[in-house]
Amino acid sequence: MSDRLCSKGNSQLLCYYANVTNQIQIVRIENIANSYFERVVFPGQRLMFEAAAEAVLEIHTCGVASAILSDKIPCYVLRVIEEVSCELDIVVTPQKSAVLAC
């Protein structure tokens, strides 16, 4: 599941959160003006979303009759660091030899 938390003028981060507990959680971001993000995350479920760097993900753990705020995680901590991999192409011509990298 991938979601976008729109926020004009802010750079967006690709973020990852996993519910490693055995309880249902509600995650939300409320600290960005004119934006709101909320999802239910089941035990073992993983969530990818885009959010502003200054966004804070609130984790609410569901109890019998209520949900308790159990954690607040800045989204820059949850960012996905993407690796760029490329293969080298070797170009050999009679006049020149070159290695091209992307």
N, C-alpha and C. Protein backbone atom coordinates (compact mmCIF):
# COMPACT_ATOMS: atom_id res chain seq x y z
N MET A 1 0.85 -1.17 0.00
CA MET A 1 0.00 0.00 0.00
C MET A 1 0.89 1.23 0.00
N SER A 2 0.61 2.15 -0.88
CA SER A 2 1.39 3.38 -0.95
C SER A 2 0.43 4.56 -0.96
N ASP A 3 0.71 5.52 -0.13
CA ASP A 3 -0.15 6.68 -0.02
C ASP A 3 0.69 7.94 -0.04
N ARG A 4 0.06 9.04 -0.41
CA ARG A 4 0.75 10.31 -0.47
C ARG A 4 0.05 11.29 0.46
N LEU A 5 0.83 11.96 1.29
CA LEU A 5 0.33 13.04 2.14
C LEU A 5 0.75 14.32 1.47
N CYS A 6 -0.18 15.00 0.82
CA CYS A 6 0.17 16.17 0.03
C CYS A 6 0.39 17.37 0.93
N SER A 7 1.42 18.10 0.62
CA SER A 7 1.74 19.31 1.33
C SER A 7 2.49 20.22 0.38
N LYS A 8 1.88 21.32 0.01
CA LYS A 8 2.46 22.21 -0.99
C LYS A 8 3.75 22.84 -0.47
N GLY A 9 4.74 22.90 -1.36
CA GLY A 9 5.97 23.58 -1.03
C GLY A 9 6.93 22.79 -0.15
N ASN A 10 6.59 21.58 0.20
CA ASN A 10 7.47 20.76 1.04
C ASN A 10 8.00 19.59 0.23
N SER A 11 9.24 19.24 0.48
CA SER A 11 9.77 18.06 -0.18
C SER A 11 9.16 16.82 0.46
N GLN A 12 8.85 15.85 -0.35
CA GLN A 12 8.21 14.63 0.14
C GLN A 12 9.25 13.54 0.34
N LEU A 13 9.08 12.78 1.41
CA LEU A 13 9.94 11.63 1.69
C LEU A 13 9.13 10.36 1.50
N LEU A 14 9.75 9.34 0.96
CA LEU A 14 9.13 8.02 0.93
C LEU A 14 9.43 7.39 2.28
N CYS A 15 8.39 7.00 3.00
CA CYS A 15 8.53 6.50 4.37
C CYS A 15 8.00 5.07 4.48
N TYR A 16 8.52 4.35 5.48
CA TYR A 16 8.15 2.95 5.71
C TYR A 16 7.89 2.75 7.19
N TYR A 17 6.76 2.11 7.50
CA TYR A 17 6.44 1.77 8.89
C TYR A 17 5.91 0.34 8.91
N ALA A 18 6.32 -0.44 9.90
CA ALA A 18 5.82 -1.81 10.07
C ALA A 18 5.25 -1.95 11.47
N ASN A 19 4.08 -2.55 11.57
CA ASN A 19 3.48 -2.86 12.87
C ASN A 19 4.03 -4.21 13.32
N VAL A 20 5.00 -4.17 14.22
CA VAL A 20 5.63 -5.41 14.70
C VAL A 20 5.00 -5.90 15.99
N THR A 21 3.89 -5.27 16.39
CA THR A 21 3.20 -5.70 17.61
C THR A 21 2.13 -6.74 17.25
N ASN A 22 1.45 -7.23 18.25
CA ASN A 22 0.34 -8.16 18.02
C ASN A 22 -1.00 -7.45 18.19
N GLN A 23 -0.98 -6.11 18.11
CA GLN A 23 -2.20 -5.32 18.27
C GLN A 23 -2.45 -4.46 17.03
N ILE A 24 -3.71 -4.16 16.80
CA ILE A 24 -4.07 -3.25 15.71
C ILE A 24 -3.64 -1.84 16.10
N GLN A 25 -3.08 -1.13 15.12
CA GLN A 25 -2.66 0.25 15.37
C GLN A 25 -3.33 1.19 14.39
N ILE A 26 -3.53 2.41 14.82
CA ILE A 26 -3.98 3.48 13.95
C ILE A 26 -2.82 4.45 13.85
N VAL A 27 -2.37 4.72 12.63
CA VAL A 27 -1.28 5.67 12.45
C VAL A 27 -1.85 6.91 11.78
N ARG A 28 -1.38 8.08 12.22
CA ARG A 28 -1.87 9.32 11.62
C ARG A 28 -0.83 10.40 11.67
N ILE A 29 -0.99 11.32 10.73
CA ILE A 29 -0.16 12.53 10.69
C ILE A 29 -1.13 13.70 10.72
N GLU A 30 -0.99 14.55 11.73
CA GLU A 30 -1.89 15.68 11.87
C GLU A 30 -1.16 17.03 11.90
N ASN A 31 0.17 17.01 11.97
CA ASN A 31 0.87 18.26 12.21
C ASN A 31 1.19 19.06 10.94
N ILE A 32 0.68 18.64 9.79
CA ILE A 32 0.89 19.36 8.55
C ILE A 32 -0.41 20.09 8.19
N ALA A 33 -0.30 21.40 8.02
CA ALA A 33 -1.48 22.22 7.73
C ALA A 33 -2.14 21.77 6.43
N ASN A 34 -3.46 21.77 6.42
CA ASN A 34 -4.29 21.42 5.26
C ASN A 34 -4.07 20.00 4.76
N SER A 35 -3.58 19.13 5.61
CA SER A 35 -3.37 17.73 5.24
C SER A 35 -3.77 16.84 6.41
N TYR A 36 -4.19 15.63 6.07
CA TYR A 36 -4.52 14.66 7.11
C TYR A 36 -4.27 13.27 6.54
N PHE A 37 -3.63 12.43 7.33
CA PHE A 37 -3.30 11.07 6.91
C PHE A 37 -3.63 10.14 8.07
N GLU A 38 -4.41 9.11 7.81
CA GLU A 38 -4.75 8.13 8.85
C GLU A 38 -4.97 6.78 8.20
N ARG A 39 -4.37 5.75 8.79
CA ARG A 39 -4.54 4.38 8.30
C ARG A 39 -4.61 3.42 9.49
N VAL A 40 -5.32 2.33 9.30
CA VAL A 40 -5.32 1.23 10.25
C VAL A 40 -4.25 0.26 9.79
N VAL A 41 -3.37 -0.14 10.73
CA VAL A 41 -2.28 -1.05 10.40
C VAL A 41 -2.42 -2.30 11.28
N PHE A 42 -2.64 -3.43 10.65
CA PHE A 42 -2.84 -4.68 11.38
C PHE A 42 -1.49 -5.28 11.80
N PRO A 43 -1.50 -6.16 12.79
CA PRO A 43 -0.25 -6.80 13.22
C PRO A 43 0.49 -7.44 12.04
N GLY A 44 1.77 -7.14 11.92
CA GLY A 44 2.58 -7.69 10.84
C GLY A 44 2.47 -6.93 9.53
N GLN A 45 1.55 -5.99 9.44
CA GLN A 45 1.37 -5.25 8.19
C GLN A 45 2.44 -4.17 8.04
N ARG A 46 2.82 -3.91 6.80
CA ARG A 46 3.80 -2.87 6.48
C ARG A 46 3.12 -1.78 5.66
N LEU A 47 3.60 -0.57 5.83
CA LEU A 47 2.97 0.58 5.19
C LEU A 47 4.05 1.47 4.59
N MET A 48 3.88 1.83 3.32
CA MET A 48 4.75 2.81 2.68
C MET A 48 3.89 4.01 2.33
N PHE A 49 4.43 5.20 2.57
CA PHE A 49 3.68 6.42 2.30
C PHE A 49 4.66 7.56 2.05
N GLU A 50 4.16 8.62 1.46
CA GLU A 50 4.96 9.81 1.25
C GLU A 50 4.46 10.89 2.20
N ALA A 51 5.42 11.61 2.79
CA ALA A 51 5.06 12.68 3.74
C ALA A 51 6.14 13.75 3.71
N ALA A 52 5.78 14.92 4.19
CA ALA A 52 6.74 16.02 4.31
C ALA A 52 7.79 15.67 5.35
N ALA A 53 8.98 16.20 5.17
CA ALA A 53 10.09 15.90 6.09
C ALA A 53 9.77 16.29 7.52
N GLU A 54 8.97 17.32 7.71
CA GLU A 54 8.64 17.77 9.06
C GLU A 54 7.42 17.07 9.67
N ALA A 55 6.81 16.15 8.94
CA ALA A 55 5.65 15.41 9.43
C ALA A 55 6.05 14.46 10.57
N VAL A 56 5.09 14.23 11.47
CA VAL A 56 5.31 13.31 12.60
C VAL A 56 4.21 12.25 12.55
N LEU A 57 4.61 10.99 12.51
CA LEU A 57 3.67 9.88 12.50
C LEU A 57 3.31 9.52 13.93
N GLU A 58 2.02 9.60 14.25
CA GLU A 58 1.53 9.21 15.57
C GLU A 58 1.06 7.76 15.50
N ILE A 59 1.46 6.96 16.47
CA ILE A 59 1.07 5.55 16.53
C ILE A 59 0.10 5.39 17.69
N HIS A 60 -1.13 5.00 17.39
CA HIS A 60 -2.15 4.77 18.41
C HIS A 60 -2.41 3.27 18.47
N THR A 61 -2.20 2.68 19.63
CA THR A 61 -2.41 1.25 19.81
C THR A 61 -3.83 1.03 20.33
N CYS A 62 -4.54 0.12 19.70
CA CYS A 62 -5.94 -0.12 20.05
C CYS A 62 -6.05 -1.04 21.25
N GLY A 63 -6.86 -0.60 22.21
CA GLY A 63 -7.16 -1.41 23.38
C GLY A 63 -8.58 -1.94 23.27
N VAL A 64 -9.12 -2.37 24.39
CA VAL A 64 -10.47 -2.94 24.40
C VAL A 64 -11.51 -1.91 23.96
N ALA A 65 -11.48 -0.74 24.55
CA ALA A 65 -12.49 0.26 24.22
C ALA A 65 -11.88 1.61 23.84
N SER A 66 -10.58 1.64 23.58
CA SER A 66 -9.96 2.92 23.27
C SER A 66 -8.68 2.71 22.47
N ALA A 67 -8.13 3.82 22.02
CA ALA A 67 -6.82 3.81 21.36
C ALA A 67 -5.91 4.73 22.14
N ILE A 68 -4.73 4.25 22.48
CA ILE A 68 -3.79 5.01 23.30
C ILE A 68 -2.62 5.44 22.42
N LEU A 69 -2.27 6.73 22.50
CA LEU A 69 -1.10 7.22 21.78
C LEU A 69 0.13 6.57 22.39
N SER A 70 0.79 5.71 21.63
CA SER A 70 1.92 4.97 22.18
C SER A 70 3.27 5.47 21.68
N ASP A 71 3.29 6.24 20.57
CA ASP A 71 4.57 6.72 20.07
C ASP A 71 4.35 7.83 19.06
N LYS A 72 5.35 8.68 18.92
CA LYS A 72 5.40 9.70 17.87
C LYS A 72 6.77 9.58 17.21
N ILE A 73 6.78 9.39 15.89
CA ILE A 73 8.03 9.19 15.16
C ILE A 73 8.12 10.23 14.06
N PRO A 74 9.17 11.06 14.05
CA PRO A 74 9.35 11.99 12.94
C PRO A 74 9.51 11.22 11.63
N CYS A 75 8.87 11.68 10.57
CA CYS A 75 8.90 10.96 9.30
C CYS A 75 10.29 10.90 8.69
N TYR A 76 11.16 11.86 9.00
CA TYR A 76 12.51 11.78 8.44
C TYR A 76 13.25 10.56 8.98
N VAL A 77 12.83 10.04 10.15
CA VAL A 77 13.43 8.83 10.71
C VAL A 77 12.92 7.59 9.95
N LEU A 78 11.73 7.68 9.40
CA LEU A 78 11.10 6.55 8.69
C LEU A 78 11.41 6.55 7.20
N ARG A 79 12.21 7.48 6.74
CA ARG A 79 12.43 7.60 5.30
C ARG A 79 13.13 6.36 4.74
N VAL A 80 12.78 6.06 3.52
CA VAL A 80 13.39 4.95 2.80
C VAL A 80 14.58 5.51 2.05
N ILE A 81 15.72 4.92 2.26
CA ILE A 81 16.91 5.33 1.53
C ILE A 81 17.01 4.44 0.31
N GLU A 82 16.84 5.04 -0.84
CA GLU A 82 16.81 4.29 -2.08
C GLU A 82 18.21 4.19 -2.66
N GLU A 83 18.60 2.99 -3.01
CA GLU A 83 19.89 2.78 -3.64
C GLU A 83 19.70 2.75 -5.15
N VAL A 84 20.59 3.41 -5.83
CA VAL A 84 20.56 3.41 -7.28
C VAL A 84 21.66 2.48 -7.75
N SER A 85 21.26 1.47 -8.48
CA SER A 85 22.26 0.55 -9.00
C SER A 85 22.29 0.69 -10.51
N CYS A 86 23.44 0.60 -11.06
CA CYS A 86 23.55 0.64 -12.52
C CYS A 86 24.66 -0.30 -12.95
N GLU A 87 24.53 -0.76 -14.14
CA GLU A 87 25.55 -1.63 -14.70
C GLU A 87 26.44 -0.80 -15.61
N LEU A 88 27.69 -1.17 -15.67
CA LEU A 88 28.63 -0.47 -16.54
C LEU A 88 28.55 -1.07 -17.93
N ASP A 89 28.50 -0.19 -18.92
CA ASP A 89 28.53 -0.62 -20.31
C ASP A 89 29.92 -0.30 -20.84
N ILE A 90 30.56 -1.29 -21.43
CA ILE A 90 31.88 -1.08 -22.00
C ILE A 90 31.72 -0.88 -23.50
N VAL A 91 32.20 0.24 -23.96
CA VAL A 91 32.11 0.57 -25.38
C VAL A 91 33.51 0.50 -25.97
N VAL A 92 33.66 -0.34 -26.96
CA VAL A 92 34.97 -0.49 -27.60
C VAL A 92 34.81 -0.19 -29.08
N THR A 93 35.52 0.80 -29.53
CA THR A 93 35.56 1.12 -30.96
C THR A 93 37.01 1.07 -31.39
N PRO A 94 37.27 1.00 -32.69
CA PRO A 94 38.67 0.94 -33.13
C PRO A 94 39.47 2.16 -32.69
N GLN A 95 38.83 3.33 -32.59
CA GLN A 95 39.56 4.54 -32.24
C GLN A 95 39.64 4.76 -30.73
N LYS A 96 38.59 4.43 -29.99
CA LYS A 96 38.52 4.79 -28.57
C LYS A 96 37.94 3.63 -27.76
N SER A 97 38.34 3.58 -26.50
CA SER A 97 37.73 2.68 -25.54
C SER A 97 37.21 3.53 -24.39
N ALA A 98 36.02 3.24 -23.93
CA ALA A 98 35.45 4.04 -22.84
C ALA A 98 34.56 3.17 -21.97
N VAL A 99 34.44 3.56 -20.73
CA VAL A 99 33.50 2.93 -19.82
C VAL A 99 32.44 3.96 -19.48
N LEU A 100 31.20 3.63 -19.74
CA LEU A 100 30.10 4.54 -19.47
C LEU A 100 29.40 4.11 -18.21
N ALA A 101 29.17 5.06 -17.32
CA ALA A 101 28.43 4.79 -16.08
C ALA A 101 27.19 5.65 -16.06
N CYS A 102 26.13 5.14 -15.43
CA CYS A 102 24.92 5.95 -15.32
C CYS A 102 24.91 6.71 -14.02
